C-alpha atoms as a PDB file:
ATOM      1  CA  MET A   1       0.000   0.000   0.000  1.00  0.00           C
ATOM      2  CA  ASN A   2       1.207   3.513  -0.768  1.00  0.00           C
ATOM      3  CA  TYR A   3       0.868   5.509   2.454  1.00  0.00           C
ATOM      4  CA  ILE A   4       2.070   8.846   1.050  1.00  0.00           C
ATOM      5  CA  GLY A   5      -0.683  11.448   0.823  1.00  0.00           C
ATOM      6  CA  LYS A   6      -3.540  12.907   2.763  1.00  0.00           C
ATOM      7  CA  TRP A   7      -5.792  11.012   5.140  1.00  0.00           C
ATOM      8  CA  VAL A   8      -9.068  12.530   6.375  1.00  0.00           C
ATOM      9  CA  PHE A   9     -11.305  11.823   9.348  1.00  0.00           C
ATOM     10  CA  ASP A  10     -13.437   8.733   8.881  1.00  0.00           C
ATOM     11  CA  SER A  11     -14.773   7.886  12.323  1.00  0.00           C
ATOM     12  CA  ILE A  12     -14.189   7.963  16.055  1.00  0.00           C
ATOM     13  CA  GLY A  13     -14.544   5.063  18.446  1.00  0.00           C
ATOM     14  CA  THR A  14     -16.764   5.190  21.478  1.00  0.00           C
ATOM     15  CA  HIS A  15     -18.013   2.618  23.943  1.00  0.00           C
ATOM     16  CA  ASP A  16     -21.560   1.342  23.644  1.00  0.00           C
ATOM     17  CA  ASP A  17     -22.863  -0.563  26.688  1.00  0.00           C
ATOM     18  CA  GLU A  18     -24.426  -3.276  24.514  1.00  0.00           C
ATOM     19  CA  LYS A  19     -22.053  -3.487  21.538  1.00  0.00           C
ATOM     20  CA  GLY A  20     -18.707  -2.535  23.054  1.00  0.00           C
ATOM     21  CA  MET A  21     -16.505  -0.378  20.803  1.00  0.00           C
ATOM     22  CA  ILE A  22     -18.406   1.243  17.946  1.00  0.00           C
ATOM     23  CA  TYR A  23     -17.271   3.821  15.404  1.00  0.00           C
ATOM     24  CA  LEU A  24     -19.256   6.962  14.640  1.00  0.00           C
ATOM     25  CA  ASN A  25     -18.900   8.843  11.359  1.00  0.00           C
ATOM     26  CA  ALA A  26     -18.739  12.648  11.441  1.00  0.00           C
ATOM     27  CA  ASP A  27     -22.511  13.216  11.397  1.00  0.00           C
ATOM     28  CA  GLU A  28     -23.132  10.542  14.029  1.00  0.00           C
ATOM     29  CA  TYR A  29     -20.376  11.980  16.231  1.00  0.00           C
ATOM     30  CA  LEU A  30     -21.795  15.507  16.009  1.00  0.00           C
ATOM     31  CA  ALA A  31     -25.270  14.203  16.902  1.00  0.00           C
ATOM     32  CA  SER A  32     -24.175  11.816  19.672  1.00  0.00           C
ATOM     33  CA  PRO A  33     -25.003  12.457  23.340  1.00  0.00           C
ATOM     34  CA  MET A  34     -22.615  14.433  25.546  1.00  0.00           C
ATOM     35  CA  PRO A  35     -22.908  12.535  28.845  1.00  0.00           C
ATOM     36  CA  TYR A  36     -19.892  14.228  30.435  1.00  0.00           C
ATOM     37  CA  ILE A  37     -21.256  17.789  30.166  1.00  0.00           C
ATOM     38  CA  ASP A  38     -24.469  19.489  31.245  1.00  0.00           C
ATOM     39  CA  GLU A  39     -26.456  19.547  28.011  1.00  0.00           C
ATOM     40  CA  ASN A  40     -28.592  22.352  29.482  1.00  0.00           C
ATOM     41  CA  ASP A  41     -25.492  24.575  29.631  1.00  0.00           C
ATOM     42  CA  GLU A  42     -25.511  26.252  26.208  1.00  0.00           C
ATOM     43  CA  GLU A  43     -21.911  27.435  26.519  1.00  0.00           C
ATOM     44  CA  ALA A  44     -20.649  23.962  27.460  1.00  0.00           C
ATOM     45  CA  VAL A  45     -22.568  22.411  24.554  1.00  0.00           C
ATOM     46  CA  ALA A  46     -21.185  25.034  22.138  1.00  0.00           C
ATOM     47  CA  ASP A  47     -17.630  24.395  23.388  1.00  0.00           C
ATOM     48  CA  GLU A  48     -18.072  20.645  22.968  1.00  0.00           C
ATOM     49  CA  MET A  49     -19.462  21.098  19.455  1.00  0.00           C
ATOM     50  CA  ASP A  50     -16.463  23.276  18.570  1.00  0.00           C
ATOM     51  CA  GLU A  51     -14.120  20.537  19.812  1.00  0.00           C
ATOM     52  CA  ARG A  52     -16.001  17.875  17.876  1.00  0.00           C
ATOM     53  CA  LYS A  53     -15.865  19.972  14.698  1.00  0.00           C
ATOM     54  CA  LYS A  54     -12.100  20.369  15.161  1.00  0.00           C
ATOM     55  CA  THR A  55     -11.793  16.608  15.584  1.00  0.00           C
ATOM     56  CA  ILE A  56     -13.723  15.743  12.425  1.00  0.00           C
ATOM     57  CA  GLY A  57     -11.759  18.390  10.520  1.00  0.00           C
ATOM     58  CA  MET A  58      -8.418  16.799  11.387  1.00  0.00           C
ATOM     59  CA  GLN A  59      -6.220  15.261   8.710  1.00  0.00           C
ATOM     60  CA  VAL A  60      -2.995  13.296   8.561  1.00  0.00           C
ATOM     61  CA  LYS A  61      -0.438  14.154   5.899  1.00  0.00           C
ATOM     62  CA  ILE A  62       2.198  11.504   5.205  1.00  0.00           C
ATOM     63  CA  CYS A  63       5.170  12.784   3.241  1.00  0.00           C
ATOM     64  CA  ASP A  64       7.765  10.855   1.269  1.00  0.00           C
ATOM     65  CA  ASP A  65      10.600  12.350   3.362  1.00  0.00           C
ATOM     66  CA  GLY A  66       9.808  10.129   6.363  1.00  0.00           C
ATOM     67  CA  LYS A  67       7.672  12.723   8.147  1.00  0.00           C
ATOM     68  CA  LEU A  68       3.993  12.873   8.891  1.00  0.00           C
ATOM     69  CA  TYR A  69       1.867  15.663  10.279  1.00  0.00           C
ATOM     70  CA  PHE A  70      -1.344  15.731  12.269  1.00  0.00           C
ATOM     71  CA  LEU A  71      -3.206  18.697  10.772  1.00  0.00           C
ATOM     72  CA  MET A  72      -5.928  20.702  12.487  1.00  0.00           C
ATOM     73  CA  PRO A  73      -8.226  23.270  10.885  1.00  0.00           C
ATOM     74  CA  VAL A  74      -7.522  26.890  11.747  1.00  0.00           C
ATOM     75  CA  PRO A  75     -10.152  27.772  14.383  1.00  0.00           C
ATOM     76  CA  ASP A  76     -13.042  29.977  13.294  1.00  0.00           C
ATOM     77  CA  GLY A  77     -12.530  33.618  14.126  1.00  0.00           C
ATOM     78  CA  VAL A  78      -8.724  33.544  14.028  1.00  0.00           C
ATOM     79  CA  SER A  79      -7.514  36.496  12.004  1.00  0.00           C
ATOM     80  CA  GLU A  80      -4.672  36.296   9.513  1.00  0.00           C
ATOM     81  CA  ALA A  81      -2.616  38.572  11.798  1.00  0.00           C
ATOM     82  CA  GLU A  82      -3.182  36.240  14.773  1.00  0.00           C
ATOM     83  CA  LEU A  83      -2.279  33.251  12.637  1.00  0.00           C
ATOM     84  CA  LYS A  84       0.945  34.883  11.434  1.00  0.00           C
ATOM     85  CA  GLU A  85       1.864  35.774  15.016  1.00  0.00           C
ATOM     86  CA  VAL A  86       1.415  32.197  16.245  1.00  0.00           C
ATOM     87  CA  ILE A  87       3.368  30.800  13.307  1.00  0.00           C
ATOM     88  CA  SER A  88       6.183  33.314  13.872  1.00  0.00           C
ATOM     89  CA  THR A  89       6.749  31.859  17.371  1.00  0.00           C
ATOM     90  CA  GLY A  90       7.610  28.495  15.840  1.00  0.00           C
ATOM     91  CA  GLU A  91       5.120  26.687  18.066  1.00  0.00           C
ATOM     92  CA  LEU A  92       2.874  25.893  15.109  1.00  0.00           C
ATOM     93  CA  MET A  93       3.326  25.513  11.366  1.00  0.00           C
ATOM     94  CA  LEU A  94       0.878  25.994   8.535  1.00  0.00           C
ATOM     95  CA  ILE A  95       0.707  23.096   6.066  1.00  0.00           C
ATOM     96  CA  ASP A  96      -2.010  22.911   3.411  1.00  0.00           C
ATOM     97  CA  ASP A  97      -3.772  25.826   5.185  1.00  0.00           C
ATOM     98  CA  MET A  98      -4.000  23.745   8.362  1.00  0.00           C
ATOM     99  CA  LEU A  99      -2.108  23.905  11.662  1.00  0.00           C
ATOM    100  CA  THR A 100       0.377  21.395  13.033  1.00  0.00           C
ATOM    101  CA  ASP A 101       2.882  21.538  15.838  1.00  0.00           C
ATOM    102  CA  LYS A 102       5.666  19.270  14.608  1.00  0.00           C
ATOM    103  CA  ALA A 103       6.783  16.641  12.167  1.00  0.00           C
ATOM    104  CA  ILE A 104       6.566  13.040  13.334  1.00  0.00           C
ATOM    105  CA  ALA A 105       8.898  10.356  12.015  1.00  0.00           C
ATOM    106  CA  TRP A 106       7.442   7.394  10.174  1.00  0.00           C
ATOM    107  CA  GLU A 107       8.880   4.350   8.436  1.00  0.00           C
ATOM    108  CA  GLU A 108       7.732   1.250   6.663  1.00  0.00           C
ATOM    109  CA  ARG A 109       8.491  -2.068   8.375  1.00  0.00           C
ATOM    110  CA  ASP A 110       7.707  -5.298   6.555  1.00  0.00           C
ATOM    111  CA  GLY A 111       5.182  -3.448   4.389  1.00  0.00           C
ATOM    112  CA  GLU A 112       3.450  -1.769   7.342  1.00  0.00           C
ATOM    113  CA  LEU A 113       3.447   1.895   8.372  1.00  0.00           C
ATOM    114  CA  TRP A 114       4.902   2.686  11.796  1.00  0.00           C
ATOM    115  CA  TYR A 115       5.235   6.117  13.394  1.00  0.00           C
ATOM    116  CA  ASP A 116       7.030   7.490  16.430  1.00  0.00           C
ATOM    117  CA  THR A 117       4.567   8.584  19.114  1.00  0.00           C
ATOM    118  CA  GLY A 118       7.356   9.980  21.272  1.00  0.00           C
ATOM    119  CA  ILE A 119       5.789   8.243  24.276  1.00  0.00           C
ATOM    120  CA  GLY A 120       7.614   5.636  26.352  1.00  0.00           C
ATOM    121  CA  ASP A 121      10.781   3.628  25.800  1.00  0.00           C
ATOM    122  CA  ASP A 122       9.511   1.912  22.645  1.00  0.00           C
ATOM    123  CA  SER A 123       7.627   4.845  21.152  1.00  0.00           C
ATOM    124  CA  TRP A 124       6.925   3.384  17.713  1.00  0.00           C
ATOM    125  CA  THR A 125       3.454   2.093  16.919  1.00  0.00           C
ATOM    126  CA  LYS A 126       1.805   0.509  13.897  1.00  0.00           C
ATOM    127  CA  ALA A 127      -0.492   3.064  12.270  1.00  0.00           C
ATOM    128  CA  ILE A 128      -2.777   1.119   9.940  1.00  0.00           C
ATOM    129  CA  ASP A 129      -5.438  -1.156  11.392  1.00  0.00           C
ATOM    130  CA  GLU A 130      -6.822  -4.360   9.877  1.00  0.00           C
ATOM    131  CA  ASN A 131      -9.397  -2.332   7.915  1.00  0.00           C
ATOM    132  CA  GLY A 132      -6.838  -0.036   6.268  1.00  0.00           C
ATOM    133  CA  PHE A 133      -7.509   3.000   8.465  1.00  0.00           C
ATOM    134  CA  PHE A 134      -4.757   5.182   9.908  1.00  0.00           C
ATOM    135  CA  THR A 135      -5.655   4.947  13.592  1.00  0.00           C
ATOM    136  CA  ILE A 136      -4.580   7.169  16.463  1.00  0.00           C
ATOM    137  CA  ILE A 137      -6.127   6.496  19.849  1.00  0.00           C
ATOM    138  CA  THR A 138      -9.795   6.001  18.811  1.00  0.00           C
ATOM    139  CA  MET A 139      -9.811   8.151  15.660  1.00  0.00           C
ATOM    140  CA  ARG A 140      -9.689   6.561  12.220  1.00  0.00           C
ATOM    141  CA  PHE A 141      -8.599   8.304   9.027  1.00  0.00           C
ATOM    142  CA  LYS A 142      -9.039   7.157   5.419  1.00  0.00           C
ATOM    143  CA  LYS A 143      -6.668   7.901   2.553  1.00  0.00           C
ATOM    144  CA  ILE A 144      -7.980  10.304  -0.077  1.00  0.00           C
ATOM    145  CA  ASP A 145      -4.978  10.800  -2.368  1.00  0.00           C
END
C-alpha cells in the first residue's frame, strides 16, 4: 500500500454498553449524546461542538521524506494577523492551510506503516489497522490521495 498522501477523518470510536466499541462517522459523532457535560449549559454544549468539529476536521499528511503531520483546521474567528503571530513563534506551522505543531517520524516495516509517538521507551506504533484505516487512539482516518 502507498501511504504517502492525505488522510481525512473517517470515524471515532466510542463505547456502547451493549455493543462494546463502535465507530461513529462525522454526522453521528456531532449528533451523539454528551454525557460528560451538562447539556442544558448552552456554553458547554457550544464548546463541545467546537471541539467535535475540530476533531472531524483533522487530517494526517504523510510525506515521502519520512515525516507525517497531524493537521488541524484553523479555528473559526482567528484572524490572519493572529495566525501569522502564532506561526512566527515556531510553536505551530501551517501546512495545506492547516495547523500542526511538529513533524513526526514514520517508516515502513515489513510493508506496514509505523510512526514514532514519542511516548515511552519503545515509542513506535503501527499506524494502519486491519481495515486499512490510519488509527490514532480512537480516531480513524481514510486515505484520499
